[in-house]
Amino acid sequence: MSGFIGVYNLLKEQGHEFVVITARGGFVKEMKDDALRLLKENNIEFDKYYWKIDDKVEVCKNENVDIMIDDDWKIIKKLSDNHVKTLYFRDTNLVKLEENEYIKEVNNWGDIYRKIKTLQQ
């Protein structure tokens, strides 16, 4: 996605860790393989990977995730209801959620960088 690599590199330089928590690889195994191929082609390596995950809340809690980024409103709602701070990567045609201390809406990687910096202050 446009802007990701620059923001990823900047946040990594600042000491941030990235944990992938995804359902990929569950129903369609090839989705995990495709994701790993794309990451390798772009020299992107995350700190931890969780594949075939249905309940992201449990992993976020166990990993002490500070901020979870997702584009699924149902996942964002469940995470925020469980006091996990989220960045809702919302496209214009997706469900609008009311922002609160656990939900902040973002539309691009520049927004994500600014919100992460603000949430950590």
Protein backbone atom coordinates (compact mmCIF):
# COMPACT_ATOMS: atom_id res chain seq x y z
CA MET A 1 0.00 0.00 0.00
CA SER A 2 1.29 3.43 -0.90
CA GLY A 3 3.39 5.00 1.86
CA PHE A 4 3.72 1.84 3.93
CA ILE A 5 7.42 1.13 3.40
CA GLY A 6 8.49 4.67 4.33
CA VAL A 7 6.40 4.73 7.51
CA TYR A 8 7.40 1.17 8.39
CA ASN A 9 11.11 2.01 8.06
CA LEU A 10 10.72 5.23 10.07
CA LEU A 11 8.86 3.51 12.91
CA LYS A 12 11.35 0.61 12.96
CA GLU A 13 14.23 3.13 13.21
CA GLN A 14 12.42 4.65 16.20
CA GLY A 15 12.36 1.26 17.91
CA HIS A 16 8.77 0.19 17.23
CA GLU A 17 7.98 -3.50 16.88
CA PHE A 18 5.49 -4.88 14.37
CA VAL A 19 3.38 -7.96 15.06
CA VAL A 20 1.26 -9.44 12.28
CA ILE A 21 -2.03 -10.87 13.55
CA THR A 22 -4.06 -12.20 10.65
CA ALA A 23 -6.64 -14.78 9.65
CA ARG A 24 -4.67 -15.37 6.43
CA GLY A 25 -3.73 -18.99 5.91
CA GLY A 26 -6.87 -20.28 7.55
CA PHE A 27 -9.50 -20.94 4.91
CA VAL A 28 -7.14 -20.41 1.97
CA LYS A 29 -3.58 -21.53 2.72
CA GLU A 30 -2.27 -19.78 -0.39
CA MET A 31 -3.14 -16.37 1.10
CA LYS A 32 -0.42 -16.85 3.72
CA ASP A 33 2.05 -17.98 1.06
CA ASP A 34 1.22 -14.94 -1.10
CA ALA A 35 1.63 -12.59 1.86
CA LEU A 36 5.01 -14.09 2.78
CA ARG A 37 6.15 -13.85 -0.85
CA LEU A 38 5.19 -10.16 -1.06
CA LEU A 39 6.94 -9.38 2.24
CA LYS A 40 10.10 -11.13 1.09
CA GLU A 41 10.05 -9.39 -2.31
CA ASN A 42 9.85 -6.02 -0.54
CA ASN A 43 12.43 -6.84 2.17
CA ILE A 44 9.87 -6.41 4.95
CA GLU A 45 10.32 -8.46 8.07
CA PHE A 46 8.02 -8.18 11.05
CA ASP A 47 9.02 -9.03 14.61
CA LYS A 48 6.35 -11.71 15.09
CA TYR A 49 3.71 -13.42 12.98
CA TYR A 50 0.40 -14.95 14.04
CA TRP A 51 -1.38 -16.73 11.17
CA LYS A 52 -4.89 -18.25 11.06
CA ILE A 53 -6.07 -16.13 14.00
CA ASP A 54 -9.81 -15.79 14.57
CA ASP A 55 -9.64 -13.93 17.90
CA LYS A 56 -7.24 -11.01 17.61
CA VAL A 57 -8.16 -9.75 21.09
CA GLU A 58 -6.43 -12.64 22.83
CA VAL A 59 -3.21 -12.21 20.86
CA CYS A 60 -3.23 -8.43 21.34
CA LYS A 61 -3.62 -8.88 25.09
CA ASN A 62 -0.93 -11.60 25.30
CA GLU A 63 1.50 -9.53 23.22
CA ASN A 64 0.70 -6.27 25.06
CA VAL A 65 -0.02 -4.60 21.72
CA ASP A 66 -0.05 -0.83 22.16
CA ILE A 67 -1.91 -0.03 18.93
CA MET A 68 -3.65 -2.41 16.53
CA ILE A 69 -4.23 -1.41 12.91
CA ASP A 70 -7.07 -3.12 11.05
CA ASP A 71 -9.57 -2.42 8.27
CA ASP A 72 -12.40 -4.63 9.52
CA TRP A 73 -14.92 -2.63 11.57
CA LYS A 74 -16.10 -5.74 13.44
CA ILE A 75 -12.55 -6.50 14.59
CA ILE A 76 -11.95 -2.85 15.52
CA LYS A 77 -15.18 -2.80 17.55
CA LYS A 78 -14.30 -6.02 19.40
CA LEU A 79 -10.76 -4.82 20.13
CA SER A 80 -11.93 -1.43 21.38
CA ASP A 81 -14.62 -3.06 23.54
CA ASN A 82 -11.74 -4.98 25.14
CA HIS A 83 -9.69 -1.82 25.75
CA VAL A 84 -7.18 -2.30 22.94
CA LYS A 85 -6.27 0.97 21.20
CA THR A 86 -6.95 0.71 17.49
CA LEU A 87 -6.37 2.55 14.26
CA TYR A 88 -9.30 1.85 11.95
CA PHE A 89 -7.96 1.91 8.40
CA ARG A 90 -11.31 2.83 6.90
CA ASP A 91 -12.00 3.12 3.22
CA THR A 92 -14.84 5.48 2.33
CA ASN A 93 -17.29 2.64 1.65
CA LEU A 94 -16.72 0.90 4.99
CA VAL A 95 -18.82 1.25 8.16
CA LYS A 96 -18.15 4.47 10.06
CA LEU A 97 -17.38 4.00 13.77
CA GLU A 98 -17.48 6.77 16.31
CA GLU A 99 -14.00 7.67 17.50
CA ASN A 100 -13.19 7.36 21.19
CA GLU A 101 -10.12 6.69 23.31
CA TYR A 102 -9.80 3.22 21.74
CA ILE A 103 -10.78 3.95 18.12
CA LYS A 104 -9.07 6.45 15.84
CA GLU A 105 -9.81 6.51 12.13
CA VAL A 106 -6.99 6.66 9.58
CA ASN A 107 -7.05 6.74 5.79
CA ASN A 108 -3.39 6.41 4.79
CA TRP A 109 0.05 5.63 6.21
CA GLY A 110 0.79 9.30 6.89
CA ASP A 111 -2.32 9.37 9.13
CA ILE A 112 -1.12 6.19 10.84
CA TYR A 113 2.30 7.67 11.58
CA ARG A 114 0.79 10.87 13.03
CA LYS A 115 -1.74 8.96 15.17
CA ILE A 116 0.94 6.62 16.54
CA LYS A 117 3.08 9.61 17.51
CA THR A 118 0.06 11.33 19.13
CA LEU A 119 -1.15 8.21 20.97
CA GLN A 120 2.29 7.68 22.48
CA GLN A 121 2.51 11.15 24.00
